[in-house]
N, C-alpha and C. Protein backbone atom coordinates (compact mmCIF):
# COMPACT_ATOMS: atom_id res chain seq x y z
N MET A 1 -61.79 27.65 33.71
CA MET A 1 -60.14 27.60 33.98
C MET A 1 -59.44 26.79 33.14
N LYS A 2 -60.02 25.52 32.75
CA LYS A 2 -59.61 24.40 32.12
C LYS A 2 -59.55 25.26 30.60
N ALA A 3 -60.38 25.87 30.01
CA ALA A 3 -60.41 26.62 28.70
C ALA A 3 -59.58 27.52 28.65
N MET A 4 -59.01 28.18 29.50
CA MET A 4 -58.31 29.40 29.68
C MET A 4 -56.59 28.68 29.46
N THR A 5 -56.44 27.36 30.03
CA THR A 5 -55.14 27.09 30.32
C THR A 5 -54.96 26.36 28.73
N ILE A 6 -56.22 25.86 28.34
CA ILE A 6 -55.97 25.43 26.48
C ILE A 6 -55.83 26.19 25.96
N ARG A 7 -56.32 27.36 25.87
CA ARG A 7 -55.74 28.64 24.98
C ARG A 7 -54.82 29.11 25.12
N ARG A 8 -54.21 29.35 26.48
CA ARG A 8 -52.90 29.57 26.55
C ARG A 8 -51.91 28.95 25.98
N SER A 9 -52.11 27.39 26.10
CA SER A 9 -51.15 26.64 25.41
C SER A 9 -51.35 26.74 23.88
N VAL A 10 -52.44 26.66 23.44
CA VAL A 10 -52.54 26.71 22.09
C VAL A 10 -51.71 28.18 21.69
N ASN A 11 -52.00 29.25 22.28
CA ASN A 11 -51.21 30.50 21.99
C ASN A 11 -49.91 29.87 22.17
N ILE A 12 -49.27 29.75 22.85
CA ILE A 12 -47.82 29.46 23.12
C ILE A 12 -47.15 28.52 21.75
N ILE A 13 -48.17 27.47 21.47
CA ILE A 13 -47.59 26.74 20.46
C ILE A 13 -47.77 27.33 19.28
N ALA A 14 -48.51 28.30 18.84
CA ALA A 14 -48.80 29.11 17.90
C ALA A 14 -47.52 30.18 17.48
N LEU A 15 -47.29 30.68 18.87
CA LEU A 15 -45.98 31.58 18.95
C LEU A 15 -45.01 30.67 18.49
N MET A 16 -44.67 29.69 19.11
CA MET A 16 -43.59 28.91 18.84
C MET A 16 -43.40 28.88 17.43
N ALA A 17 -44.37 28.25 16.44
CA ALA A 17 -44.52 27.75 15.23
C ALA A 17 -44.17 29.00 14.44
N LEU A 18 -44.39 30.35 14.89
CA LEU A 18 -44.37 31.76 13.96
C LEU A 18 -42.75 31.98 14.02
N VAL A 19 -42.20 31.64 15.38
CA VAL A 19 -40.76 31.90 15.73
C VAL A 19 -39.91 31.05 14.65
N LEU A 20 -40.56 29.58 14.69
CA LEU A 20 -39.68 28.82 13.98
C LEU A 20 -39.75 29.00 12.34
N VAL A 21 -40.81 29.40 11.73
CA VAL A 21 -41.10 29.76 10.34
C VAL A 21 -40.31 31.16 9.96
N LEU A 22 -40.39 31.83 11.25
CA LEU A 22 -39.52 33.31 10.83
C LEU A 22 -37.93 32.93 11.06
N SER A 23 -37.43 32.13 11.77
CA SER A 23 -36.04 31.85 11.90
C SER A 23 -35.69 30.88 10.78
N ALA A 24 -36.56 30.30 10.22
CA ALA A 24 -36.29 29.52 8.74
C ALA A 24 -35.85 30.44 7.64
N CYS A 25 -36.23 31.69 7.79
CA CYS A 25 -35.96 33.05 6.80
C CYS A 25 -34.91 33.54 7.41
N ALA A 26 -34.41 33.58 8.41
CA ALA A 26 -33.32 34.54 8.92
C ALA A 26 -32.01 34.56 8.02
N MET A 27 -31.51 35.62 8.14
CA MET A 27 -30.36 36.01 7.37
C MET A 27 -29.20 36.02 8.71
N VAL A 28 -28.27 35.20 8.39
CA VAL A 28 -27.13 34.91 9.57
C VAL A 28 -25.95 35.53 8.62
N ARG A 29 -25.18 36.39 9.56
CA ARG A 29 -23.93 37.06 9.46
C ARG A 29 -23.09 36.80 10.34
N LEU A 30 -21.90 36.50 9.54
CA LEU A 30 -20.50 36.21 10.67
C LEU A 30 -19.26 37.33 10.09
N GLY A 31 -18.80 37.71 10.97
CA GLY A 31 -17.40 38.26 10.92
C GLY A 31 -18.08 39.81 10.64
N HIS A 32 -17.21 40.60 10.21
CA HIS A 32 -17.52 42.23 9.88
C HIS A 32 -17.32 42.64 8.39
N GLU A 33 -18.20 43.08 7.76
CA GLU A 33 -18.16 43.39 6.48
C GLU A 33 -17.08 44.54 6.17
N PHE A 34 -16.41 44.61 5.04
CA PHE A 34 -14.98 45.30 4.63
C PHE A 34 -15.20 45.27 3.08
N ASP A 35 -14.24 46.49 2.87
CA ASP A 35 -14.51 47.15 1.53
C ASP A 35 -13.09 46.74 0.89
N LEU A 36 -12.83 45.77 -0.15
CA LEU A 36 -11.57 45.50 -0.72
C LEU A 36 -11.07 46.27 -1.77
N GLN A 37 -12.01 47.08 -2.22
CA GLN A 37 -11.61 48.08 -2.96
C GLN A 37 -10.92 49.69 -2.32
N ALA A 38 -11.66 49.56 -1.35
CA ALA A 38 -11.24 51.03 -0.53
C ALA A 38 -9.80 50.46 0.25
N PHE A 39 -9.75 49.11 0.45
CA PHE A 39 -8.34 48.83 0.95
C PHE A 39 -7.35 49.07 0.37
N GLU A 40 -7.65 48.23 -0.76
CA GLU A 40 -6.54 48.57 -2.22
C GLU A 40 -6.14 49.70 -2.50
N THR A 41 -6.99 50.47 -2.30
CA THR A 41 -6.36 52.07 -2.79
C THR A 41 -5.76 52.68 -1.76
N ARG A 42 -5.99 52.25 -0.43
CA ARG A 42 -5.13 52.93 0.34
C ARG A 42 -3.57 52.10 0.95
N VAL A 43 -3.96 51.12 0.60
CA VAL A 43 -2.48 50.18 1.10
C VAL A 43 -1.41 50.31 0.38
N GLN A 44 -0.24 50.54 0.77
CA GLN A 44 1.04 50.35 0.04
C GLN A 44 2.17 49.55 0.63
N GLN A 45 2.56 48.66 -0.18
CA GLN A 45 3.51 47.52 0.37
C GLN A 45 4.70 48.16 0.84
N GLY A 46 5.15 47.95 1.97
CA GLY A 46 6.29 48.62 2.88
C GLY A 46 6.15 49.89 3.29
N ILE A 47 4.85 50.29 3.19
CA ILE A 47 4.64 51.72 3.84
C ILE A 47 3.41 51.60 4.80
N THR A 48 2.44 51.08 4.61
CA THR A 48 1.41 50.83 5.04
C THR A 48 1.73 50.23 6.77
N THR A 49 1.19 50.71 7.88
CA THR A 49 1.55 50.17 9.16
C THR A 49 0.25 49.36 9.49
N ARG A 50 0.54 48.45 10.67
CA ARG A 50 -0.28 47.86 11.32
C ARG A 50 -1.55 48.99 11.99
N ALA A 51 -0.82 49.76 12.61
CA ALA A 51 -1.92 51.03 12.88
C ALA A 51 -2.92 51.21 11.87
N GLN A 52 -2.79 51.87 10.73
CA GLN A 52 -3.43 52.09 9.59
C GLN A 52 -4.36 51.18 9.39
N VAL A 53 -3.99 49.71 9.12
CA VAL A 53 -4.97 48.83 8.68
C VAL A 53 -5.75 48.54 9.76
N ARG A 54 -5.62 48.91 11.35
CA ARG A 54 -6.41 48.56 12.13
C ARG A 54 -7.49 49.73 12.10
N ASP A 55 -7.01 50.94 11.94
CA ASP A 55 -7.93 51.96 11.55
C ASP A 55 -9.11 51.59 10.44
N TRP A 56 -8.61 51.21 9.28
CA TRP A 56 -9.47 51.14 8.34
C TRP A 56 -10.42 49.55 8.42
N LEU A 57 -9.86 48.68 9.04
CA LEU A 57 -10.63 47.44 9.24
C LEU A 57 -10.95 47.12 10.41
N GLY A 58 -10.49 47.56 11.29
CA GLY A 58 -10.85 47.23 12.89
C GLY A 58 -9.81 46.13 13.40
N ASN A 59 -10.02 45.74 14.43
CA ASN A 59 -9.31 44.61 14.78
C ASN A 59 -9.53 43.06 14.06
N PRO A 60 -8.46 42.45 13.79
CA PRO A 60 -8.60 41.10 13.13
C PRO A 60 -9.18 40.37 13.98
N LYS A 61 -10.03 39.46 13.08
CA LYS A 61 -10.89 38.17 13.66
C LYS A 61 -9.85 36.91 14.23
N SER A 62 -8.97 37.14 13.47
CA SER A 62 -7.60 36.11 13.95
C SER A 62 -6.41 36.57 13.66
N THR A 63 -5.24 36.10 14.45
CA THR A 63 -3.98 36.62 13.78
C THR A 63 -3.12 35.19 14.04
N GLY A 64 -2.08 35.24 13.01
CA GLY A 64 -1.35 34.08 13.09
C GLY A 64 0.36 34.66 12.52
N ILE A 65 0.96 33.58 11.98
CA ILE A 65 2.15 33.67 11.62
C ILE A 65 1.74 32.91 10.17
N SER A 66 2.99 33.59 8.98
CA SER A 66 2.95 32.93 8.07
C SER A 66 4.33 32.95 7.31
N VAL A 67 4.73 31.75 6.85
CA VAL A 67 6.02 31.58 6.39
C VAL A 67 6.39 31.31 5.11
N ASP A 68 7.12 32.35 4.15
CA ASP A 68 7.31 31.90 2.83
C ASP A 68 8.20 31.21 2.58
N SER A 69 8.23 30.64 1.34
CA SER A 69 8.93 29.71 0.73
C SER A 69 10.66 29.93 1.19
N ILE A 70 11.02 30.74 1.35
CA ILE A 70 12.50 30.82 1.66
C ILE A 70 12.56 31.29 2.89
N GLY A 71 11.64 31.08 3.97
CA GLY A 71 11.85 30.90 5.52
C GLY A 71 11.47 32.48 6.11
N HIS A 72 11.07 33.32 5.24
CA HIS A 72 10.80 34.94 5.92
C HIS A 72 9.09 34.50 6.70
N ARG A 73 9.59 34.95 7.98
CA ARG A 73 8.41 35.21 8.73
C ARG A 73 7.33 36.27 8.76
N PHE A 74 6.25 36.38 8.54
CA PHE A 74 5.05 37.36 8.59
C PHE A 74 4.09 37.27 9.61
N GLU A 75 3.68 38.37 10.27
CA GLU A 75 2.41 38.34 11.06
C GLU A 75 1.26 38.23 10.07
N LYS A 76 0.61 37.42 10.53
CA LYS A 76 -0.64 37.38 9.49
C LYS A 76 -2.07 37.83 10.36
N TRP A 77 -2.71 38.95 9.75
CA TRP A 77 -3.96 39.15 10.44
C TRP A 77 -5.35 38.80 9.25
N THR A 78 -6.26 38.21 10.10
CA THR A 78 -7.34 37.52 9.00
C THR A 78 -8.51 38.46 9.39
N TYR A 79 -9.35 38.86 8.49
CA TYR A 79 -10.52 39.39 8.50
C TYR A 79 -11.46 38.82 7.47
N PHE A 80 -12.67 38.38 7.85
CA PHE A 80 -13.85 37.70 7.02
C PHE A 80 -15.22 38.18 7.49
N TYR A 81 -15.73 37.81 6.31
CA TYR A 81 -17.33 38.08 6.39
C TYR A 81 -18.02 37.13 5.68
N GLY A 82 -19.33 36.82 6.06
CA GLY A 82 -19.86 35.62 5.29
C GLY A 82 -21.83 35.66 5.71
N GLN A 83 -22.37 35.54 4.96
CA GLN A 83 -23.88 35.82 5.09
C GLN A 83 -24.50 34.66 4.04
N GLY A 84 -25.84 34.46 4.73
CA GLY A 84 -26.45 33.53 4.40
C GLY A 84 -27.95 33.30 4.94
N ARG A 85 -29.03 32.85 4.17
CA ARG A 85 -30.01 32.58 4.78
C ARG A 85 -30.34 30.91 5.21
N LEU A 86 -30.75 31.04 6.37
CA LEU A 86 -31.12 29.64 7.03
C LEU A 86 -32.61 29.19 6.44
N PRO A 87 -32.93 27.97 6.21
CA PRO A 87 -31.97 26.67 6.66
C PRO A 87 -31.00 26.57 5.00
N GLY A 88 -30.11 25.73 5.40
CA GLY A 88 -29.28 25.45 4.36
C GLY A 88 -28.10 26.22 3.94
N MET A 89 -28.31 27.53 3.89
CA MET A 89 -27.46 28.50 3.63
C MET A 89 -26.96 28.24 2.08
N LYS A 90 -27.77 28.10 1.25
CA LYS A 90 -27.33 27.63 -0.04
C LYS A 90 -26.91 29.04 -1.07
N ASP A 91 -27.36 30.16 -0.51
CA ASP A 91 -26.89 31.53 -1.05
C ASP A 91 -25.82 31.97 -0.28
N ALA A 92 -25.37 31.44 0.58
CA ALA A 92 -24.12 31.86 1.23
C ALA A 92 -23.08 32.41 0.44
N SER A 93 -22.53 33.66 0.82
CA SER A 93 -21.46 34.28 0.24
C SER A 93 -20.30 34.46 1.37
N PHE A 94 -19.00 34.34 1.22
CA PHE A 94 -17.97 34.47 1.97
C PHE A 94 -16.83 35.05 1.41
N LYS A 95 -16.06 35.94 2.17
CA LYS A 95 -14.82 36.57 1.85
C LYS A 95 -14.03 36.67 2.98
N ILE A 96 -12.61 36.34 2.50
CA ILE A 96 -11.65 36.35 3.57
C ILE A 96 -10.25 37.16 3.06
N LEU A 97 -9.92 38.18 4.03
CA LEU A 97 -8.55 39.05 3.57
C LEU A 97 -7.42 38.82 4.58
N GLU A 98 -6.26 38.41 4.21
CA GLU A 98 -5.36 38.11 4.87
C GLU A 98 -4.08 38.99 4.78
N VAL A 99 -3.96 39.87 5.99
CA VAL A 99 -2.85 40.93 5.54
C VAL A 99 -1.87 40.45 6.26
N LYS A 100 -0.07 40.45 5.79
CA LYS A 100 1.06 40.08 6.12
C LYS A 100 1.89 41.06 6.06
N PHE A 101 2.41 41.08 7.40
CA PHE A 101 2.77 42.29 8.02
C PHE A 101 4.49 41.74 8.37
N ASP A 102 5.77 42.70 8.02
CA ASP A 102 6.95 42.10 8.03
C ASP A 102 7.16 42.24 9.87
N GLN A 103 8.58 42.40 10.23
CA GLN A 103 9.12 42.30 11.73
C GLN A 103 8.72 43.91 12.09
N GLU A 104 8.84 45.01 11.13
CA GLU A 104 8.76 46.26 11.51
C GLU A 104 7.30 46.88 11.48
N GLY A 105 6.15 45.88 11.26
CA GLY A 105 5.01 45.84 11.03
C GLY A 105 4.57 46.56 9.81
N LEU A 106 5.09 46.57 8.88
CA LEU A 106 4.57 47.19 7.75
C LEU A 106 3.90 46.21 6.74
N VAL A 107 3.24 46.45 6.02
CA VAL A 107 2.13 45.57 5.08
C VAL A 107 3.36 45.10 4.19
N ARG A 108 3.35 43.62 3.73
CA ARG A 108 4.19 43.28 2.74
C ARG A 108 3.21 42.08 1.39
N GLY A 109 2.00 42.26 2.14
CA GLY A 109 1.43 41.55 1.08
C GLY A 109 0.06 40.97 1.66
N TYR A 110 -1.00 40.87 0.83
CA TYR A 110 -2.21 40.30 1.44
C TYR A 110 -2.77 39.28 0.47
N ASP A 111 -3.61 38.80 0.89
CA ASP A 111 -4.27 37.33 0.08
C ASP A 111 -5.83 38.09 0.35
N TYR A 112 -6.68 37.67 -0.93
CA TYR A 112 -8.11 37.82 -0.86
C TYR A 112 -8.98 36.45 -1.41
N SER A 113 -9.95 36.06 -0.90
CA SER A 113 -10.40 35.29 -1.63
C SER A 113 -12.16 35.30 -1.19
N ALA A 114 -12.69 35.02 -2.01
CA ALA A 114 -14.32 35.16 -2.12
C ALA A 114 -14.89 33.96 -2.82
N ASP A 115 -16.08 33.81 -2.71
CA ASP A 115 -17.13 32.67 -3.33
C ASP A 115 -18.35 33.83 -3.64
């Protein structure tokens, strides 16, 4: 009986070690992947609507307000996607798309950044 308990403990430790090793190589993904080129070919400033952007990209990960240098206010939708391998995430990549809408719900501009 004692040998079975020891064997079971060794098996649990081995399983935990295997999970730890595998998780050290795990790919981590944040947000939702999006295609900037497809977005750029579709979007038309002053014509494209919120509904169209939502159809193309899904719901934004966050929303907010942007104010330009002369005081115009825009609704801002943010989309992001990031990925990398644990541990350390040294090979991580990240991209952010922020779409600005006017009071009528039409696209007035967008910002994109990536690394």
